[in-house]
Amino acid sequence: MSVFDERERWDFGPYLTLADPKLRILSVFDDLKYDRADADLLSPPMRSHVIKKLGQIGFKQKTGTVIEHRDSGVRCMMPKFHALGASPFDITRYTNRREQDYYILTPTQTACLFIDHYSNTEAVERTKKLIQSQPINIYRLMDYLEKKPAHQDFLQAIGHLKFVQREAVQSDPLRSRRALQ
């Protein structure tokens, strides 16, 4: 059993969420609008927010990229950004984690893992649910979709996801969100 299984014990607020218990992903965002050329990485305000929120439930920063729960030993890993222009699909490639550990990712990186680990229908539904609370950089994601079938199938849903995201950021509660400082 993970520290995150007891949902009533924590409230991360709107910027940090347990995006996928099965894939063990926490997703954090800091803004509502993206430019296609934005680097998709955890910004200093995002990292500070995660450390503060996880600290409230017993986590402590062990290294620059690892936060560990004092009682359970569960670690949350913030994968390192390896190269300018690196694909968000590769963010976890060089970050090993144990079975009980979690990744802390941006919403765009989270959507990439959905695409690579779930059927197209489920990946689209999970991404749709995610962008209703945490917008993703849809154009950046599109730029890194590969020629493999799972990616090309997902490409067919991009128009719908753009619409869903546009509606989400123009509606409450997202429209009143401000960038993390």
C-alpha atoms as a PDB file:
ATOM      1  CA  MET A   1       0.000   0.000   0.000  1.00  0.00           C
ATOM      2  CA  SER A   2       1.336   3.428  -0.952  1.00  0.00           C
ATOM      3  CA  VAL A   3       1.195   6.657   0.991  1.00  0.00           C
ATOM      4  CA  PHE A   4      -0.912   7.975  -1.919  1.00  0.00           C
ATOM      5  CA  ASP A   5      -3.551   5.237  -1.528  1.00  0.00           C
ATOM      6  CA  GLU A   6      -5.078   7.041   1.425  1.00  0.00           C
ATOM      7  CA  ARG A   7      -6.459  10.024  -0.492  1.00  0.00           C
ATOM      8  CA  GLU A   8      -8.249  11.528   2.503  1.00  0.00           C
ATOM      9  CA  ARG A   9      -4.836  12.153   4.106  1.00  0.00           C
ATOM     10  CA  TRP A  10      -3.752  14.737   1.584  1.00  0.00           C
ATOM     11  CA  ASP A  11      -4.961  17.668  -0.440  1.00  0.00           C
ATOM     12  CA  PHE A  12      -2.415  18.877  -2.955  1.00  0.00           C
ATOM     13  CA  GLY A  13      -4.565  21.713  -4.255  1.00  0.00           C
ATOM     14  CA  PRO A  14      -5.062  22.547  -7.921  1.00  0.00           C
ATOM     15  CA  TYR A  15      -1.462  22.551  -9.140  1.00  0.00           C
ATOM     16  CA  LEU A  16      -0.397  19.050  -8.089  1.00  0.00           C
ATOM     17  CA  THR A  17      -2.374  15.869  -8.618  1.00  0.00           C
ATOM     18  CA  LEU A  18      -2.020  12.117  -8.522  1.00  0.00           C
ATOM     19  CA  ALA A  19      -2.498  11.812 -12.271  1.00  0.00           C
ATOM     20  CA  ASP A  20      -2.236   8.047 -12.531  1.00  0.00           C
ATOM     21  CA  PRO A  21      -1.947   5.613  -9.603  1.00  0.00           C
ATOM     22  CA  LYS A  22      -1.257   2.663 -11.925  1.00  0.00           C
ATOM     23  CA  LEU A  23       1.679   4.355 -13.689  1.00  0.00           C
ATOM     24  CA  ARG A  24       2.569   6.082 -10.398  1.00  0.00           C
ATOM     25  CA  ILE A  25       2.626   9.631 -11.755  1.00  0.00           C
ATOM     26  CA  LEU A  26       2.162  12.908  -9.927  1.00  0.00           C
ATOM     27  CA  SER A  27       1.556  15.800 -12.297  1.00  0.00           C
ATOM     28  CA  VAL A  28       2.315  19.440 -11.546  1.00  0.00           C
ATOM     29  CA  PHE A  29       1.571  22.472 -13.698  1.00  0.00           C
ATOM     30  CA  ASP A  30       2.239  26.165 -13.411  1.00  0.00           C
ATOM     31  CA  ASP A  31       0.522  27.984 -16.246  1.00  0.00           C
ATOM     32  CA  LEU A  32      -2.547  27.899 -18.479  1.00  0.00           C
ATOM     33  CA  LYS A  33      -0.994  28.889 -21.785  1.00  0.00           C
ATOM     34  CA  TYR A  34       1.845  27.334 -23.676  1.00  0.00           C
ATOM     35  CA  ASP A  35       3.952  28.231 -26.638  1.00  0.00           C
ATOM     36  CA  ARG A  36       4.954  25.400 -28.926  1.00  0.00           C
ATOM     37  CA  ALA A  37       8.622  26.197 -28.262  1.00  0.00           C
ATOM     38  CA  ASP A  38       8.337  26.154 -24.456  1.00  0.00           C
ATOM     39  CA  ALA A  39      10.769  23.782 -22.813  1.00  0.00           C
ATOM     40  CA  ASP A  40       8.755  21.074 -21.102  1.00  0.00           C
ATOM     41  CA  LEU A  41      10.450  20.794 -17.728  1.00  0.00           C
ATOM     42  CA  LEU A  42       9.755  21.272 -14.066  1.00  0.00           C
ATOM     43  CA  SER A  43      10.392  24.945 -13.366  1.00  0.00           C
ATOM     44  CA  PRO A  44      11.816  26.114 -10.027  1.00  0.00           C
ATOM     45  CA  PRO A  45       8.349  27.250  -8.822  1.00  0.00           C
ATOM     46  CA  MET A  46       6.894  23.850  -9.777  1.00  0.00           C
ATOM     47  CA  ARG A  47       9.659  22.021  -7.921  1.00  0.00           C
ATOM     48  CA  SER A  48       9.221  24.233  -4.844  1.00  0.00           C
ATOM     49  CA  HIS A  49       5.475  23.673  -4.889  1.00  0.00           C
ATOM     50  CA  VAL A  50       5.907  19.889  -5.058  1.00  0.00           C
ATOM     51  CA  ILE A  51       8.442  19.874  -2.219  1.00  0.00           C
ATOM     52  CA  LYS A  52       6.156  22.006  -0.041  1.00  0.00           C
ATOM     53  CA  LYS A  53       3.005  19.964  -0.728  1.00  0.00           C
ATOM     54  CA  LEU A  54       4.682  16.585  -0.308  1.00  0.00           C
ATOM     55  CA  GLY A  55       6.398  17.855   2.831  1.00  0.00           C
ATOM     56  CA  GLN A  56       2.956  18.291   4.368  1.00  0.00           C
ATOM     57  CA  ILE A  57       2.400  14.526   4.205  1.00  0.00           C
ATOM     58  CA  GLY A  58       5.810  13.429   5.452  1.00  0.00           C
ATOM     59  CA  PHE A  59       8.137  13.678   2.449  1.00  0.00           C
ATOM     60  CA  LYS A  60      11.577  15.246   2.638  1.00  0.00           C
ATOM     61  CA  GLN A  61      13.900  16.213  -0.190  1.00  0.00           C
ATOM     62  CA  LYS A  62      16.855  13.796  -0.261  1.00  0.00           C
ATOM     63  CA  THR A  63      18.623  15.038  -3.393  1.00  0.00           C
ATOM     64  CA  GLY A  64      17.868  17.622  -6.055  1.00  0.00           C
ATOM     65  CA  THR A  65      15.619  15.148  -7.862  1.00  0.00           C
ATOM     66  CA  VAL A  66      14.412  12.780  -5.126  1.00  0.00           C
ATOM     67  CA  ILE A  67      11.823  13.361  -2.408  1.00  0.00           C
ATOM     68  CA  GLU A  68      11.362  10.492   0.066  1.00  0.00           C
ATOM     69  CA  HIS A  69       8.596   9.681   2.549  1.00  0.00           C
ATOM     70  CA  ARG A  70      10.070   9.330   6.023  1.00  0.00           C
ATOM     71  CA  ASP A  71       7.909   6.381   7.147  1.00  0.00           C
ATOM     72  CA  SER A  72       7.210   4.325   4.019  1.00  0.00           C
ATOM     73  CA  GLY A  73      10.400   4.970   2.056  1.00  0.00           C
ATOM     74  CA  VAL A  74       8.345   5.822  -1.058  1.00  0.00           C
ATOM     75  CA  ARG A  75      10.342   8.118  -3.300  1.00  0.00           C
ATOM     76  CA  CYS A  76       9.070  10.679  -5.758  1.00  0.00           C
ATOM     77  CA  MET A  77      11.462  11.215  -8.628  1.00  0.00           C
ATOM     78  CA  MET A  78      11.783  14.396 -10.670  1.00  0.00           C
ATOM     79  CA  PRO A  79      13.451  13.154 -13.871  1.00  0.00           C
ATOM     80  CA  LYS A  80      16.312  15.289 -15.108  1.00  0.00           C
ATOM     81  CA  PHE A  81      15.973  17.269 -18.295  1.00  0.00           C
ATOM     82  CA  HIS A  82      18.776  15.890 -20.481  1.00  0.00           C
ATOM     83  CA  ALA A  83      18.889  18.009 -23.620  1.00  0.00           C
ATOM     84  CA  LEU A  84      17.268  21.027 -25.166  1.00  0.00           C
ATOM     85  CA  GLY A  85      14.727  19.744 -27.637  1.00  0.00           C
ATOM     86  CA  ALA A  86      14.482  16.309 -25.993  1.00  0.00           C
ATOM     87  CA  SER A  87      11.208  14.522 -26.526  1.00  0.00           C
ATOM     88  CA  PRO A  88       8.755  14.631 -23.626  1.00  0.00           C
ATOM     89  CA  PHE A  89       8.180  10.941 -24.433  1.00  0.00           C
ATOM     90  CA  ASP A  90      11.720  10.202 -23.188  1.00  0.00           C
ATOM     91  CA  ILE A  91      11.568  12.012 -19.843  1.00  0.00           C
ATOM     92  CA  THR A  92      11.626   8.840 -17.731  1.00  0.00           C
ATOM     93  CA  ARG A  93      14.110   6.930 -19.886  1.00  0.00           C
ATOM     94  CA  TYR A  94      17.125   7.583 -17.671  1.00  0.00           C
ATOM     95  CA  THR A  95      15.394   7.735 -14.286  1.00  0.00           C
ATOM     96  CA  ASN A  96      15.161   4.352 -12.620  1.00  0.00           C
ATOM     97  CA  ARG A  97      12.606   3.899  -9.910  1.00  0.00           C
ATOM     98  CA  ARG A  98      11.578   1.087  -7.636  1.00  0.00           C
ATOM     99  CA  GLU A  99       8.143  -0.548  -7.774  1.00  0.00           C
ATOM    100  CA  GLN A 100       6.769   1.706  -5.007  1.00  0.00           C
ATOM    101  CA  ASP A 101       8.224   4.975  -6.362  1.00  0.00           C
ATOM    102  CA  TYR A 102       6.493   7.749  -8.308  1.00  0.00           C
ATOM    103  CA  TYR A 103       7.471  10.123 -11.077  1.00  0.00           C
ATOM    104  CA  ILE A 104       6.739  13.840 -10.789  1.00  0.00           C
ATOM    105  CA  LEU A 105       6.059  15.128 -14.300  1.00  0.00           C
ATOM    106  CA  THR A 106       4.559  18.014 -16.204  1.00  0.00           C
ATOM    107  CA  PRO A 107       1.072  17.431 -17.632  1.00  0.00           C
ATOM    108  CA  THR A 108       2.531  17.143 -21.148  1.00  0.00           C
ATOM    109  CA  GLN A 109       5.010  14.487 -20.029  1.00  0.00           C
ATOM    110  CA  THR A 110       2.174  12.705 -18.227  1.00  0.00           C
ATOM    111  CA  ALA A 111       0.091  12.644 -21.416  1.00  0.00           C
ATOM    112  CA  CYS A 112       3.083  11.176 -23.265  1.00  0.00           C
ATOM    113  CA  LEU A 113       3.226   8.276 -20.813  1.00  0.00           C
ATOM    114  CA  PHE A 114      -0.528   7.744 -21.250  1.00  0.00           C
ATOM    115  CA  ILE A 115       0.007   7.457 -25.010  1.00  0.00           C
ATOM    116  CA  ASP A 116       2.849   4.976 -24.599  1.00  0.00           C
ATOM    117  CA  HIS A 117       1.220   2.794 -21.920  1.00  0.00           C
ATOM    118  CA  TYR A 118      -2.516   2.673 -22.642  1.00  0.00           C
ATOM    119  CA  SER A 119      -4.744   1.787 -25.569  1.00  0.00           C
ATOM    120  CA  ASN A 120      -5.594   4.754 -27.775  1.00  0.00           C
ATOM    121  CA  THR A 121      -9.111   5.073 -26.370  1.00  0.00           C
ATOM    122  CA  GLU A 122      -7.885   5.013 -22.789  1.00  0.00           C
ATOM    123  CA  ALA A 123      -4.955   7.353 -23.525  1.00  0.00           C
ATOM    124  CA  VAL A 124      -7.331   9.890 -25.077  1.00  0.00           C
ATOM    125  CA  GLU A 125      -9.772   9.649 -22.162  1.00  0.00           C
ATOM    126  CA  ARG A 126      -7.032   9.972 -19.542  1.00  0.00           C
ATOM    127  CA  THR A 127      -5.492  12.919 -21.393  1.00  0.00           C
ATOM    128  CA  LYS A 128      -8.890  14.566 -21.716  1.00  0.00           C
ATOM    129  CA  LYS A 129      -9.486  14.199 -17.980  1.00  0.00           C
ATOM    130  CA  LEU A 130      -6.013  15.545 -17.223  1.00  0.00           C
ATOM    131  CA  ILE A 131      -6.353  18.661 -19.385  1.00  0.00           C
ATOM    132  CA  GLN A 132      -9.613  19.561 -17.698  1.00  0.00           C
ATOM    133  CA  SER A 133      -7.610  20.202 -14.536  1.00  0.00           C
ATOM    134  CA  GLN A 134      -4.070  20.691 -15.864  1.00  0.00           C
ATOM    135  CA  PRO A 135      -3.551  22.026 -19.399  1.00  0.00           C
ATOM    136  CA  ILE A 136      -0.919  20.371 -21.579  1.00  0.00           C
ATOM    137  CA  ASN A 137       1.261  21.731 -24.359  1.00  0.00           C
ATOM    138  CA  ILE A 138      -0.682  20.064 -27.179  1.00  0.00           C
ATOM    139  CA  TYR A 139       1.466  21.486 -29.986  1.00  0.00           C
ATOM    140  CA  ARG A 140       4.689  20.308 -28.336  1.00  0.00           C
ATOM    141  CA  LEU A 141       3.176  16.870 -27.870  1.00  0.00           C
ATOM    142  CA  MET A 142       2.162  16.846 -31.550  1.00  0.00           C
ATOM    143  CA  ASP A 143       5.692  17.779 -32.596  1.00  0.00           C
ATOM    144  CA  TYR A 144       7.085  14.680 -30.887  1.00  0.00           C
ATOM    145  CA  LEU A 145       4.526  12.093 -31.945  1.00  0.00           C
ATOM    146  CA  GLU A 146       6.364   9.396 -33.868  1.00  0.00           C
ATOM    147  CA  LYS A 147       5.314   7.319 -36.863  1.00  0.00           C
ATOM    148  CA  LYS A 148       4.431   4.320 -34.695  1.00  0.00           C
ATOM    149  CA  PRO A 149       0.749   3.259 -34.666  1.00  0.00           C
ATOM    150  CA  ALA A 150      -0.052   4.305 -31.076  1.00  0.00           C
ATOM    151  CA  HIS A 151       1.182   7.828 -31.758  1.00  0.00           C
ATOM    152  CA  GLN A 152      -0.546   8.129 -35.114  1.00  0.00           C
ATOM    153  CA  ASP A 153      -3.817   6.885 -33.618  1.00  0.00           C
ATOM    154  CA  PHE A 154      -3.545   9.491 -30.866  1.00  0.00           C
ATOM    155  CA  LEU A 155      -2.929  12.203 -33.462  1.00  0.00           C
ATOM    156  CA  GLN A 156      -6.513  11.714 -34.650  1.00  0.00           C
ATOM    157  CA  ALA A 157      -7.813  13.013 -31.297  1.00  0.00           C
ATOM    158  CA  ILE A 158      -5.727  16.198 -31.208  1.00  0.00           C
ATOM    159  CA  GLY A 159      -8.457  18.429 -32.634  1.00  0.00           C
ATOM    160  CA  HIS A 160     -10.926  17.260 -30.014  1.00  0.00           C
ATOM    161  CA  LEU A 161      -8.363  17.673 -27.229  1.00  0.00           C
ATOM    162  CA  LYS A 162      -7.626  21.239 -28.355  1.00  0.00           C
ATOM    163  CA  PHE A 163     -11.338  21.997 -28.038  1.00  0.00           C
ATOM    164  CA  VAL A 164     -11.562  20.364 -24.603  1.00  0.00           C
ATOM    165  CA  GLN A 165      -8.543  22.318 -23.380  1.00  0.00           C
ATOM    166  CA  ARG A 166      -9.789  25.629 -24.779  1.00  0.00           C
ATOM    167  CA  GLU A 167     -13.095  25.104 -22.952  1.00  0.00           C
ATOM    168  CA  ALA A 168     -11.316  24.089 -19.745  1.00  0.00           C
ATOM    169  CA  VAL A 169      -9.009  27.113 -19.543  1.00  0.00           C
ATOM    170  CA  GLN A 170     -11.896  29.479 -20.257  1.00  0.00           C
ATOM    171  CA  SER A 171     -14.023  27.990 -17.472  1.00  0.00           C
ATOM    172  CA  ASP A 172     -13.782  27.756 -13.712  1.00  0.00           C
ATOM    173  CA  PRO A 173     -11.780  26.633 -11.883  1.00  0.00           C
ATOM    174  CA  LEU A 174      -8.899  26.927 -14.379  1.00  0.00           C
ATOM    175  CA  ARG A 175      -9.557  30.416 -15.708  1.00  0.00           C
ATOM    176  CA  SER A 176      -8.827  31.963 -12.319  1.00  0.00           C
ATOM    177  CA  ARG A 177      -5.523  30.109 -11.839  1.00  0.00           C
ATOM    178  CA  ARG A 178      -2.320  32.106 -11.830  1.00  0.00           C
ATOM    179  CA  ALA A 179       1.174  30.878 -12.595  1.00  0.00           C
ATOM    180  CA  LEU A 180       3.102  29.499  -9.652  1.00  0.00           C
ATOM    181  CA  GLN A 181       5.606  31.977  -8.259  1.00  0.00           C
END
